[in-house]
Every structure is written in C-alpha cells, then in structure tokens.
Amino acid sequence: MRRSAEEARKTRDRIVATGVTKASTDGLDALTIGTLAEALGMSKAGVVGPFGSRAGLQLAVLTEAAGMFTAAVVAPSEQAEPGLPRLRAVIDLWCGYLADGPFPNGCFVTAASCELDGRPGELRSSLLGVVTRWRAFLREQIVIAQASGDLAPTPDADDLVTTLTGIAMSANQEIQLLGDAGAAARARRLMLAAL
C-alpha cells in the first residue's frame, strides 16, 4: 500500500513537472490532457486521474510554478536581516530568477497574467491569489525598511511595489523577447535606485 502511494505521488509529480514546462512555452490554456499524455507516454486517464479534470491539472501546474518562485526568491530572502538587507536580497534573488529562471519562456506568473487577466474563472482567481500574496510580501518588506529608517517614508510602499513589479515585467520582456543579456543587471540597478 505504501509503495503504491509513493508511486502515485511520483507519477503526479512527473505530470505536474511536465505540465509546468509545457505551460511555460505554450500557455496554461494550451495545456491539455492529450498533449501531456503524449509527452509522458501515458494514457489520458492516467494523466487526468490524479487531478480529476483538466482544470485541476492546470491549477496544480500553476501552484507548482508559484511554489518554484517562492522557493527561489521568497524563502532564501527571509534569511537576510529584516529591512533594507532583506529587501536587497529579494531584489537580487528576483533579478537572478528572471535571468536564470527554470522556465523556457521566462517568468511563468508574468506570462500567465497576460494570458488570464481578462478571463474569469478558477484559474484566474488562483493566479490573482498568487500575485496578491507576492505583492503583499514585497510591500511588507518595504514597510519594514521604511519603519526602521532604512528607506525614506516616501514614495508610498504601494507605489514602490508597482515600480519594482513594472521593472521586473519589463526585464522579463527584454530577456525573453529582445534577448538583452544586460536586462537583469539593469533591472537590479533600477530597482535599487527606485528605493
């Protein structure tokens, strides 16, 4: 019984990992049970089984991609001292993630945001939660740095969140579409200057 559960978990993980890669290049909407079954050499029933539906699979893929970002940027930044040191760590990790991220098509959340922002539904709602949590985390780091005197109280924390996010989204485009090797370093400089 235990071995069977372990095999089921490994199969599910393999399906999600392949789904993340395919959704990164083709978009979440293009992620189908059939394309994954073919890519994995599995039956359609074997692919959909762990998720119950295509929508469940898409949610699992989005959750995994968001978790990868959290593991690469948020979690390690929390080792730095609160205030400006942590905010600098966030920026360094974020820009490094943009430059050397695990997705063949750049920032998964940025691509998914462009794909889903005008489409109501559970997938968009899940993505909204991911983006809202990230922005709240970023805002919290700015507020802590301002409260400790590491940063000036102006501009407003929400303005800085928008500025930093805009720079990151621009850098993602410069890296992915324009092939600009200096985009991540430029984004880091601009983010630090905005602070």
N, C-alpha and C. Protein backbone atom coordinates (compact mmCIF):
# COMPACT_ATOMS: atom_id res chain seq x y z
N MET A 1 0.83 -1.20 0.00
CA MET A 1 0.00 0.00 0.00
C MET A 1 0.88 1.26 0.00
N ARG A 2 1.89 1.28 0.87
CA ARG A 2 2.76 2.45 0.98
C ARG A 2 3.51 2.67 -0.33
N ARG A 3 4.00 1.59 -0.93
CA ARG A 3 4.73 1.70 -2.20
C ARG A 3 3.82 2.24 -3.29
N SER A 4 2.58 1.82 -3.31
CA SER A 4 1.62 2.30 -4.31
C SER A 4 1.37 3.79 -4.16
N ALA A 5 1.24 4.27 -2.94
CA ALA A 5 1.04 5.70 -2.70
C ALA A 5 2.26 6.50 -3.13
N GLU A 6 3.43 5.96 -2.88
CA GLU A 6 4.68 6.62 -3.29
C GLU A 6 4.77 6.69 -4.82
N GLU A 7 4.42 5.61 -5.48
CA GLU A 7 4.43 5.60 -6.95
C GLU A 7 3.42 6.58 -7.51
N ALA A 8 2.24 6.67 -6.89
CA ALA A 8 1.22 7.62 -7.33
C ALA A 8 1.72 9.06 -7.17
N ARG A 9 2.41 9.34 -6.06
CA ARG A 9 2.95 10.69 -5.83
C ARG A 9 4.01 11.02 -6.88
N LYS A 10 4.87 10.06 -7.17
CA LYS A 10 5.92 10.28 -8.17
C LYS A 10 5.31 10.52 -9.55
N THR A 11 4.28 9.77 -9.88
CA THR A 11 3.61 9.95 -11.16
C THR A 11 2.98 11.34 -11.24
N ARG A 12 2.29 11.72 -10.16
CA ARG A 12 1.67 13.04 -10.11
C ARG A 12 2.73 14.14 -10.27
N ASP A 13 3.84 14.00 -9.56
CA ASP A 13 4.92 14.99 -9.64
C ASP A 13 5.49 15.08 -11.06
N ARG A 14 5.61 13.94 -11.71
CA ARG A 14 6.14 13.91 -13.08
C ARG A 14 5.18 14.59 -14.04
N ILE A 15 3.89 14.36 -13.86
CA ILE A 15 2.88 15.00 -14.70
C ILE A 15 2.92 16.52 -14.50
N VAL A 16 2.98 16.96 -13.24
CA VAL A 16 2.99 18.40 -12.95
C VAL A 16 4.26 19.04 -13.51
N ALA A 17 5.41 18.41 -13.33
CA ALA A 17 6.67 18.98 -13.83
C ALA A 17 6.62 19.14 -15.35
N THR A 18 6.12 18.14 -16.04
CA THR A 18 5.99 18.24 -17.50
C THR A 18 4.97 19.31 -17.87
N GLY A 19 3.89 19.38 -17.11
CA GLY A 19 2.87 20.40 -17.35
C GLY A 19 3.41 21.80 -17.17
N VAL A 20 4.25 22.01 -16.16
CA VAL A 20 4.85 23.32 -15.93
C VAL A 20 5.69 23.73 -17.15
N THR A 21 6.51 22.82 -17.62
CA THR A 21 7.36 23.12 -18.78
C THR A 21 6.52 23.42 -20.02
N LYS A 22 5.52 22.59 -20.28
CA LYS A 22 4.67 22.81 -21.46
C LYS A 22 3.86 24.09 -21.34
N ALA A 23 3.31 24.37 -20.16
CA ALA A 23 2.53 25.59 -19.97
C ALA A 23 3.41 26.83 -20.07
N SER A 24 4.66 26.70 -19.67
CA SER A 24 5.57 27.84 -19.77
C SER A 24 5.80 28.24 -21.22
N THR A 25 5.86 27.27 -22.10
CA THR A 25 6.10 27.60 -23.51
C THR A 25 4.81 27.83 -24.29
N ASP A 26 3.75 27.09 -23.95
CA ASP A 26 2.53 27.13 -24.77
C ASP A 26 1.37 27.88 -24.10
N GLY A 27 1.47 28.14 -22.80
CA GLY A 27 0.39 28.78 -22.06
C GLY A 27 -0.45 27.75 -21.32
N LEU A 28 -1.10 28.20 -20.27
CA LEU A 28 -1.93 27.30 -19.48
C LEU A 28 -3.14 26.79 -20.28
N ASP A 29 -3.69 27.64 -21.12
CA ASP A 29 -4.87 27.23 -21.89
C ASP A 29 -4.54 26.12 -22.89
N ALA A 30 -3.31 26.09 -23.36
CA ALA A 30 -2.91 25.06 -24.32
C ALA A 30 -2.55 23.74 -23.65
N LEU A 31 -2.53 23.74 -22.33
CA LEU A 31 -2.20 22.54 -21.57
C LEU A 31 -3.40 21.60 -21.58
N THR A 32 -3.26 20.49 -22.27
CA THR A 32 -4.37 19.54 -22.38
C THR A 32 -3.93 18.17 -21.88
N ILE A 33 -4.91 17.37 -21.54
CA ILE A 33 -4.66 16.00 -21.09
C ILE A 33 -3.98 15.23 -22.23
N GLY A 34 -4.45 15.43 -23.45
CA GLY A 34 -3.90 14.72 -24.60
C GLY A 34 -2.44 15.04 -24.86
N THR A 35 -2.09 16.32 -24.84
CA THR A 35 -0.69 16.69 -25.11
C THR A 35 0.24 16.17 -24.01
N LEU A 36 -0.23 16.20 -22.77
CA LEU A 36 0.60 15.68 -21.68
C LEU A 36 0.71 14.16 -21.76
N ALA A 37 -0.39 13.49 -22.07
CA ALA A 37 -0.36 12.03 -22.20
C ALA A 37 0.65 11.62 -23.26
N GLU A 38 0.63 12.33 -24.38
CA GLU A 38 1.57 12.02 -25.46
C GLU A 38 3.01 12.28 -25.03
N ALA A 39 3.25 13.44 -24.39
CA ALA A 39 4.60 13.79 -23.96
C ALA A 39 5.14 12.82 -22.92
N LEU A 40 4.26 12.29 -22.07
CA LEU A 40 4.69 11.41 -20.99
C LEU A 40 4.61 9.92 -21.35
N GLY A 41 4.01 9.61 -22.51
CA GLY A 41 3.82 8.22 -22.88
C GLY A 41 2.84 7.52 -21.96
N MET A 42 1.80 8.25 -21.55
CA MET A 42 0.79 7.71 -20.64
C MET A 42 -0.58 7.76 -21.31
N SER A 43 -1.53 7.10 -20.70
CA SER A 43 -2.91 7.20 -21.17
C SER A 43 -3.50 8.51 -20.68
N LYS A 44 -4.54 8.97 -21.34
CA LYS A 44 -5.23 10.19 -20.89
C LYS A 44 -5.82 9.99 -19.50
N ALA A 45 -6.36 8.81 -19.25
CA ALA A 45 -6.94 8.53 -17.93
C ALA A 45 -5.86 8.57 -16.85
N GLY A 46 -4.67 8.08 -17.18
CA GLY A 46 -3.57 8.11 -16.22
C GLY A 46 -3.11 9.52 -15.90
N VAL A 47 -3.20 10.42 -16.89
CA VAL A 47 -2.80 11.81 -16.68
C VAL A 47 -3.85 12.56 -15.88
N VAL A 48 -5.11 12.41 -16.23
CA VAL A 48 -6.16 13.18 -15.57
C VAL A 48 -6.49 12.63 -14.18
N GLY A 49 -6.27 11.34 -13.97
CA GLY A 49 -6.65 10.69 -12.72
C GLY A 49 -6.26 11.41 -11.44
N PRO A 50 -5.00 11.80 -11.27
CA PRO A 50 -4.60 12.44 -10.02
C PRO A 50 -5.23 13.83 -9.79
N PHE A 51 -5.83 14.41 -10.83
CA PHE A 51 -6.31 15.79 -10.73
C PHE A 51 -7.83 15.91 -10.88
N GLY A 52 -8.45 14.89 -11.42
CA GLY A 52 -9.90 14.88 -11.56
C GLY A 52 -10.42 15.56 -12.82
N SER A 53 -9.67 16.51 -13.34
CA SER A 53 -10.11 17.25 -14.53
C SER A 53 -8.93 18.02 -15.10
N ARG A 54 -9.13 18.54 -16.29
CA ARG A 54 -8.12 19.41 -16.91
C ARG A 54 -7.91 20.65 -16.05
N ALA A 55 -9.00 21.22 -15.53
CA ALA A 55 -8.90 22.41 -14.68
C ALA A 55 -8.08 22.11 -13.42
N GLY A 56 -8.28 20.93 -12.85
CA GLY A 56 -7.50 20.54 -11.67
C GLY A 56 -6.02 20.42 -12.00
N LEU A 57 -5.72 19.89 -13.17
CA LEU A 57 -4.33 19.78 -13.63
C LEU A 57 -3.73 21.18 -13.82
N GLN A 58 -4.47 22.08 -14.47
CA GLN A 58 -3.97 23.44 -14.68
C GLN A 58 -3.70 24.14 -13.34
N LEU A 59 -4.58 23.95 -12.38
CA LEU A 59 -4.37 24.56 -11.06
C LEU A 59 -3.13 23.98 -10.39
N ALA A 60 -2.92 22.68 -10.52
CA ALA A 60 -1.73 22.06 -9.94
C ALA A 60 -0.46 22.60 -10.58
N VAL A 61 -0.49 22.81 -11.88
CA VAL A 61 0.66 23.36 -12.60
C VAL A 61 0.93 24.79 -12.15
N LEU A 62 -0.10 25.61 -12.06
CA LEU A 62 0.07 26.98 -11.60
C LEU A 62 0.61 27.02 -10.17
N THR A 63 0.08 26.17 -9.31
CA THR A 63 0.54 26.11 -7.92
C THR A 63 2.01 25.72 -7.85
N GLU A 64 2.41 24.76 -8.66
CA GLU A 64 3.81 24.32 -8.68
C GLU A 64 4.73 25.44 -9.17
N ALA A 65 4.34 26.12 -10.23
CA ALA A 65 5.16 27.21 -10.75
C ALA A 65 5.30 28.32 -9.72
N ALA A 66 4.23 28.67 -9.04
CA ALA A 66 4.29 29.69 -8.00
C ALA A 66 5.17 29.22 -6.85
N GLY A 67 5.08 27.96 -6.50
CA GLY A 67 5.93 27.41 -5.44
C GLY A 67 7.40 27.45 -5.80
N MET A 68 7.71 27.28 -7.07
CA MET A 68 9.10 27.35 -7.51
C MET A 68 9.65 28.76 -7.31
N PHE A 69 8.82 29.77 -7.62
CA PHE A 69 9.24 31.16 -7.41
C PHE A 69 9.44 31.43 -5.92
N THR A 70 8.52 30.98 -5.11
CA THR A 70 8.62 31.19 -3.66
C THR A 70 9.89 30.54 -3.12
N ALA A 71 10.17 29.33 -3.56
CA ALA A 71 11.37 28.62 -3.10
C ALA A 71 12.66 29.28 -3.55
N ALA A 72 12.63 29.92 -4.71
CA ALA A 72 13.84 30.54 -5.26
C ALA A 72 14.06 31.97 -4.78
N VAL A 73 12.98 32.69 -4.48
CA VAL A 73 13.10 34.12 -4.16
C VAL A 73 12.69 34.43 -2.72
N VAL A 74 11.49 34.06 -2.35
CA VAL A 74 10.96 34.45 -1.03
C VAL A 74 11.69 33.73 0.10
N ALA A 75 11.72 32.41 0.05
CA ALA A 75 12.29 31.64 1.15
C ALA A 75 13.74 32.01 1.45
N PRO A 76 14.63 32.06 0.45
CA PRO A 76 16.01 32.41 0.79
C PRO A 76 16.18 33.86 1.24
N SER A 77 15.32 34.75 0.77
CA SER A 77 15.44 36.16 1.19
C SER A 77 15.12 36.32 2.67
N GLU A 78 14.34 35.41 3.22
CA GLU A 78 13.96 35.51 4.62
C GLU A 78 15.11 35.18 5.56
N GLN A 79 16.23 34.73 5.01
CA GLN A 79 17.43 34.51 5.82
C GLN A 79 18.15 35.83 6.12
N ALA A 80 17.88 36.85 5.30
CA ALA A 80 18.52 38.16 5.49
C ALA A 80 17.82 38.93 6.61
N GLU A 81 18.54 39.84 7.20
CA GLU A 81 18.00 40.68 8.27
C GLU A 81 16.84 41.51 7.72
N PRO A 82 15.75 41.64 8.51
CA PRO A 82 14.62 42.47 8.05
C PRO A 82 15.06 43.91 7.76
N GLY A 83 14.34 44.56 6.89
CA GLY A 83 14.67 45.92 6.49
C GLY A 83 15.36 45.92 5.15
N LEU A 84 16.23 46.88 4.95
CA LEU A 84 16.90 47.03 3.66
C LEU A 84 17.73 45.79 3.28
N PRO A 85 18.44 45.14 4.22
CA PRO A 85 19.17 43.93 3.81
C PRO A 85 18.27 42.86 3.18
N ARG A 86 17.08 42.65 3.76
CA ARG A 86 16.17 41.66 3.18
C ARG A 86 15.63 42.13 1.85
N LEU A 87 15.29 43.41 1.76
CA LEU A 87 14.77 43.94 0.51
C LEU A 87 15.81 43.82 -0.61
N ARG A 88 17.06 44.09 -0.29
CA ARG A 88 18.14 43.91 -1.28
C ARG A 88 18.26 42.44 -1.70
N ALA A 89 18.13 41.55 -0.72
CA ALA A 89 18.19 40.11 -1.03
C ALA A 89 17.04 39.72 -1.96
N VAL A 90 15.84 40.24 -1.68
CA VAL A 90 14.69 39.97 -2.55
C VAL A 90 14.99 40.43 -3.97
N ILE A 91 15.51 41.63 -4.10
CA ILE A 91 15.80 42.17 -5.43
C ILE A 91 16.87 41.35 -6.14
N ASP A 92 17.94 41.00 -5.43
CA ASP A 92 19.00 40.18 -6.03
C ASP A 92 18.46 38.84 -6.51
N LEU A 93 17.70 38.18 -5.64
CA LEU A 93 17.15 36.87 -5.98
C LEU A 93 16.13 36.96 -7.12
N TRP A 94 15.30 37.99 -7.08
CA TRP A 94 14.26 38.19 -8.10
C TRP A 94 14.91 38.42 -9.46
N CYS A 95 15.90 39.29 -9.51
CA CYS A 95 16.56 39.57 -10.79
C CYS A 95 17.35 38.36 -11.29
N GLY A 96 17.96 37.63 -10.36
CA GLY A 96 18.63 36.39 -10.75
C GLY A 96 17.66 35.37 -11.30
N TYR A 97 16.49 35.31 -10.70
CA TYR A 97 15.45 34.40 -11.16
C TYR A 97 14.98 34.77 -12.57
N LEU A 98 14.86 36.06 -12.82
CA LEU A 98 14.47 36.50 -14.17
C LEU A 98 15.53 36.11 -15.19
N ALA A 99 16.80 36.25 -14.81
CA ALA A 99 17.89 35.98 -15.74
C ALA A 99 18.10 34.48 -15.97
N ASP A 100 17.98 33.70 -14.90
CA ASP A 100 18.34 32.28 -14.98
C ASP A 100 17.21 31.38 -14.49
N GLY A 101 15.98 31.80 -14.67
CA GLY A 101 14.83 31.06 -14.15
C GLY A 101 14.66 29.69 -14.78
N PRO A 102 13.82 28.88 -14.16
CA PRO A 102 13.66 27.50 -14.61
C PRO A 102 12.71 27.32 -15.80
N PHE A 103 12.10 28.40 -16.27
CA PHE A 103 11.08 28.28 -17.31
C PHE A 103 11.63 28.72 -18.66
N PRO A 104 11.39 27.92 -19.69
CA PRO A 104 11.93 28.27 -21.01
C PRO A 104 11.34 29.54 -21.59
N ASN A 105 10.19 29.99 -21.07
CA ASN A 105 9.56 31.18 -21.61
C ASN A 105 9.54 32.33 -20.62
N GLY A 106 10.51 32.35 -19.71
CA GLY A 106 10.59 33.45 -18.75
C GLY A 106 9.67 33.27 -17.57
N CYS A 107 9.36 34.36 -16.92
CA CYS A 107 8.57 34.34 -15.70
C CYS A 107 7.18 33.74 -15.96
N PHE A 108 6.91 32.62 -15.33
CA PHE A 108 5.65 31.90 -15.52
C PHE A 108 4.47 32.77 -15.12
N VAL A 109 4.58 33.45 -13.98
CA VAL A 109 3.46 34.25 -13.47
C VAL A 109 3.19 35.44 -14.39
N THR A 110 4.22 36.07 -14.91
CA THR A 110 4.02 37.18 -15.85
C THR A 110 3.30 36.70 -17.11
N ALA A 111 3.76 35.57 -17.65
CA ALA A 111 3.11 35.03 -18.85
C ALA A 111 1.66 34.64 -18.55
N ALA A 112 1.44 33.99 -17.42
CA ALA A 112 0.09 33.59 -17.05
C ALA A 112 -0.80 34.80 -16.80
N SER A 113 -0.24 35.85 -16.25
CA SER A 113 -1.01 37.08 -16.01
C SER A 113 -1.50 37.67 -17.33
N CYS A 114 -0.64 37.70 -18.32
CA CYS A 114 -1.04 38.22 -19.64
C CYS A 114 -2.10 37.32 -20.27
N GLU A 115 -1.97 36.03 -20.06
CA GLU A 115 -2.90 35.07 -20.65
C GLU A 115 -4.27 35.10 -19.97
N LEU A 116 -4.28 35.26 -18.65
CA LEU A 116 -5.52 35.05 -17.89
C LEU A 116 -6.18 36.31 -17.36
N ASP A 117 -5.56 37.47 -17.47
CA ASP A 117 -6.08 38.65 -16.78
C ASP A 117 -7.50 39.03 -17.18
N GLY A 118 -7.91 38.70 -18.39
CA GLY A 118 -9.25 39.04 -18.83
C GLY A 118 -10.22 37.86 -18.86
N ARG A 119 -9.81 36.73 -18.27
CA ARG A 119 -10.63 35.52 -18.32
C ARG A 119 -11.10 35.15 -16.91
N PRO A 120 -12.35 35.38 -16.59
CA PRO A 120 -12.82 34.99 -15.26
C PRO A 120 -12.80 33.48 -15.10
N GLY A 121 -12.67 33.05 -13.87
CA GLY A 121 -12.70 31.62 -13.59
C GLY A 121 -11.76 31.25 -12.46
N GLU A 122 -11.75 29.97 -12.14
CA GLU A 122 -10.97 29.47 -11.01
C GLU A 122 -9.47 29.64 -11.22
N LEU A 123 -9.01 29.45 -12.44
CA LEU A 123 -7.58 29.58 -12.73
C LEU A 123 -7.13 31.03 -12.55
N ARG A 124 -7.91 31.97 -13.05
CA ARG A 124 -7.60 33.38 -12.87
C ARG A 124 -7.64 33.75 -11.39
N SER A 125 -8.62 33.24 -10.66
CA SER A 125 -8.73 33.52 -9.23
C SER A 125 -7.51 33.00 -8.47
N SER A 126 -7.04 31.81 -8.84
CA SER A 126 -5.85 31.26 -8.21
C SER A 126 -4.62 32.11 -8.51
N LEU A 127 -4.49 32.53 -9.77
CA LEU A 127 -3.38 33.40 -10.16
C LEU A 127 -3.45 34.73 -9.41
N LEU A 128 -4.64 35.27 -9.28
CA LEU A 128 -4.83 36.51 -8.52
C LEU A 128 -4.31 36.35 -7.10
N GLY A 129 -4.60 35.22 -6.49
CA GLY A 129 -4.10 34.95 -5.14
C GLY A 129 -2.58 34.90 -5.08
N VAL A 130 -1.97 34.27 -6.07
CA VAL A 130 -0.50 34.18 -6.14
C VAL A 130 0.09 35.59 -6.23
N VAL A 131 -0.42 36.39 -7.15
CA VAL A 131 0.11 37.74 -7.36
C VAL A 131 -0.15 38.62 -6.14
N THR A 132 -1.32 38.50 -5.55
CA THR A 132 -1.66 39.31 -4.37
C THR A 132 -0.74 38.97 -3.21
N ARG A 133 -0.47 37.68 -3.00
CA ARG A 133 0.44 37.29 -1.90
C ARG A 133 1.86 37.81 -2.14
N TRP A 134 2.33 37.73 -3.39
CA TRP A 134 3.67 38.22 -3.71
C TRP A 134 3.76 39.73 -3.46
N ARG A 135 2.77 40.47 -3.95
CA ARG A 135 2.78 41.93 -3.78
C ARG A 135 2.68 42.30 -2.29
N ALA A 136 1.92 41.55 -1.52
CA ALA A 136 1.82 41.81 -0.08
C ALA A 136 3.16 41.55 0.60
N PHE A 137 3.84 40.48 0.21
CA PHE A 137 5.16 40.19 0.76
C PHE A 137 6.14 41.32 0.43
N LEU A 138 6.15 41.74 -0.81
CA LEU A 138 7.04 42.81 -1.25
C LEU A 138 6.73 44.11 -0.51
N ARG A 139 5.45 44.43 -0.39
CA ARG A 139 5.03 45.63 0.33
C ARG A 139 5.47 45.56 1.80
N GLU A 140 5.31 44.40 2.41
CA GLU A 140 5.71 44.24 3.81
C GLU A 140 7.20 44.52 3.99
N GLN A 141 8.03 44.05 3.05
CA GLN A 141 9.47 44.29 3.17
C GLN A 141 9.79 45.79 3.05
N ILE A 142 9.06 46.47 2.18
CA ILE A 142 9.26 47.92 2.02
C ILE A 142 8.83 48.66 3.28
N VAL A 143 7.67 48.30 3.81
CA VAL A 143 7.16 48.95 5.03
C VAL A 143 8.12 48.75 6.20
N ILE A 144 8.66 47.54 6.34
CA ILE A 144 9.63 47.26 7.41
C ILE A 144 10.87 48.12 7.22
N ALA A 145 11.36 48.22 5.99
CA ALA A 145 12.55 49.03 5.73
C ALA A 145 12.28 50.51 5.98
N GLN A 146 11.08 50.98 5.67
CA GLN A 146 10.72 52.37 5.94
C GLN A 146 10.59 52.61 7.44
N ALA A 147 9.96 51.70 8.14
CA ALA A 147 9.74 51.86 9.59
C ALA A 147 11.05 51.84 10.35
N SER A 148 12.03 51.09 9.86
CA SER A 148 13.32 51.02 10.55
C SER A 148 14.24 52.18 10.18
N GLY A 149 13.81 53.01 9.23
CA GLY A 149 14.63 54.14 8.81
C GLY A 149 15.61 53.79 7.71
N ASP A 150 15.59 52.54 7.23
CA ASP A 150 16.47 52.14 6.13
C ASP A 150 16.07 52.80 4.81
N LEU A 151 14.77 53.08 4.67
CA LEU A 151 14.24 53.74 3.48
C LEU A 151 13.45 54.97 3.91
N ALA A 152 13.43 55.96 3.03
CA ALA A 152 12.61 57.15 3.30
C ALA A 152 11.14 56.74 3.30
N PRO A 153 10.29 57.47 4.03
CA PRO A 153 8.87 57.13 4.08
C PRO A 153 8.13 57.41 2.77
N THR A 154 8.74 58.15 1.89
CA THR A 154 8.15 58.37 0.58
C THR A 154 9.18 57.94 -0.46
N PRO A 155 8.77 57.38 -1.57
CA PRO A 155 7.40 57.22 -2.00
C PRO A 155 6.66 56.16 -1.19
N ASP A 156 5.36 56.17 -1.36
CA ASP A 156 4.46 55.23 -0.70
C ASP A 156 4.86 53.79 -1.04
N ALA A 157 4.66 52.88 -0.09
CA ALA A 157 5.03 51.48 -0.30
C ALA A 157 4.31 50.87 -1.50
N ASP A 158 3.04 51.21 -1.68
CA ASP A 158 2.30 50.67 -2.83
C ASP A 158 2.88 51.17 -4.15
N ASP A 159 3.32 52.44 -4.15
CA ASP A 159 3.96 52.97 -5.36
C ASP A 159 5.24 52.21 -5.68
N LEU A 160 6.01 51.90 -4.63
CA LEU A 160 7.26 51.16 -4.85
C LEU A 160 6.98 49.74 -5.33
N VAL A 161 5.95 49.10 -4.80
CA VAL A 161 5.60 47.76 -5.27
C VAL A 161 5.28 47.80 -6.76
N THR A 162 4.50 48.79 -7.18
CA THR A 162 4.16 48.91 -8.60
C THR A 162 5.41 49.18 -9.44
N THR A 163 6.28 50.05 -8.96
CA THR A 163 7.51 50.37 -9.69
C THR A 163 8.39 49.13 -9.83
N LEU A 164 8.63 48.42 -8.73
CA LEU A 164 9.50 47.25 -8.78
C LEU A 164 8.91 46.15 -9.67
N THR A 165 7.61 45.96 -9.57
CA THR A 165 6.94 44.96 -10.40
C THR A 165 7.02 45.33 -11.88
N GLY A 166 6.81 46.60 -12.17
CA GLY A 166 6.91 47.06 -13.56
C GLY A 166 8.30 46.86 -14.13
N ILE A 167 9.32 47.14 -13.33
CA ILE A 167 10.70 46.93 -13.78
C ILE A 167 10.94 45.45 -14.06
N ALA A 168 10.45 44.59 -13.17
CA ALA A 168 10.64 43.14 -13.35
C ALA A 168 9.93 42.65 -14.61
N MET A 169 8.71 43.13 -14.84
CA MET A 169 7.98 42.71 -16.03
C MET A 169 8.67 43.19 -17.30
N SER A 170 9.21 44.39 -17.26
CA SER A 170 9.94 44.91 -18.40
C SER A 170 11.21 44.08 -18.64
N ALA A 171 11.91 43.76 -17.55
CA ALA A 171 13.13 42.95 -17.68
C ALA A 171 12.80 41.58 -18.27
N ASN A 172 11.69 40.99 -17.86
CA ASN A 172 11.30 39.69 -18.40
C ASN A 172 11.13 39.79 -19.92
N GLN A 173 10.47 40.85 -20.38
CA GLN A 173 10.29 41.05 -21.82
C GLN A 173 11.63 41.27 -22.51
N GLU A 174 12.49 42.07 -21.89
CA GLU A 174 13.80 42.34 -22.50
C GLU A 174 14.64 41.07 -22.60
N ILE A 175 14.55 40.23 -21.59
CA ILE A 175 15.31 38.97 -21.60
C ILE A 175 14.73 38.02 -22.63
N GLN A 176 13.40 37.82 -22.58
CA GLN A 176 12.77 36.80 -23.41
C GLN A 176 12.59 37.23 -24.87
N LEU A 177 12.03 38.40 -25.07
CA LEU A 177 11.71 38.84 -26.43
C LEU A 177 12.90 39.49 -27.13
N LEU A 178 13.59 40.34 -26.40
CA LEU A 178 14.67 41.11 -27.02
C LEU A 178 16.04 40.44 -26.91
N GLY A 179 16.14 39.42 -26.07
CA GLY A 179 17.43 38.73 -25.91
C GLY A 179 18.50 39.62 -25.31
N ASP A 180 18.12 40.54 -24.46
CA ASP A 180 19.04 41.50 -23.86
C ASP A 180 19.74 40.88 -22.66
N ALA A 181 21.01 40.55 -22.82
CA ALA A 181 21.78 39.91 -21.75
C ALA A 181 22.00 40.82 -20.55
N GLY A 182 21.88 42.12 -20.72
CA GLY A 182 22.09 43.05 -19.62
C GLY A 182 20.81 43.44 -18.88
N ALA A 183 19.68 42.86 -19.26
CA ALA A 183 18.39 43.28 -18.71
C ALA A 183 18.26 43.03 -17.21
N ALA A 184 18.71 41.89 -16.73
CA ALA A 184 18.56 41.57 -15.30
C ALA A 184 19.42 42.50 -14.45
N ALA A 185 20.65 42.77 -14.89
CA ALA A 185 21.52 43.68 -14.14
C ALA A 185 20.93 45.10 -14.16
N ARG A 186 20.39 45.50 -15.29
CA ARG A 186 19.75 46.82 -15.38
C ARG A 186 18.55 46.89 -14.45
N ALA A 187 17.75 45.83 -14.44
CA ALA A 187 16.57 45.81 -13.56
C ALA A 187 16.99 45.94 -12.10
N ARG A 188 18.05 45.25 -11.73
CA ARG A 188 18.55 45.34 -10.34
C ARG A 188 18.95 46.79 -10.02
N ARG A 189 19.70 47.43 -10.91
CA ARG A 189 20.13 48.81 -10.69
C ARG A 189 18.92 49.72 -10.57
N LEU A 190 17.94 49.57 -11.45
CA LEU A 190 16.76 50.41 -11.44
C LEU A 190 15.91 50.18 -10.20
N MET A 191 15.79 48.94 -9.78
CA MET A 191 15.03 48.65 -8.56
C MET A 191 15.68 49.27 -7.33
N LEU A 192 16.99 49.13 -7.23
CA LEU A 192 17.69 49.72 -6.09
C LEU A 192 17.61 51.24 -6.13
N ALA A 193 17.69 51.81 -7.32
CA ALA A 193 17.58 53.27 -7.45
C ALA A 193 16.18 53.74 -7.06
N ALA A 194 15.16 52.94 -7.38
CA ALA A 194 13.79 53.31 -7.02
C ALA A 194 13.59 53.35 -5.52
N LEU A 195 14.35 52.56 -4.80
CA LEU A 195 14.24 52.56 -3.34
C LEU A 195 14.87 53.82 -2.74
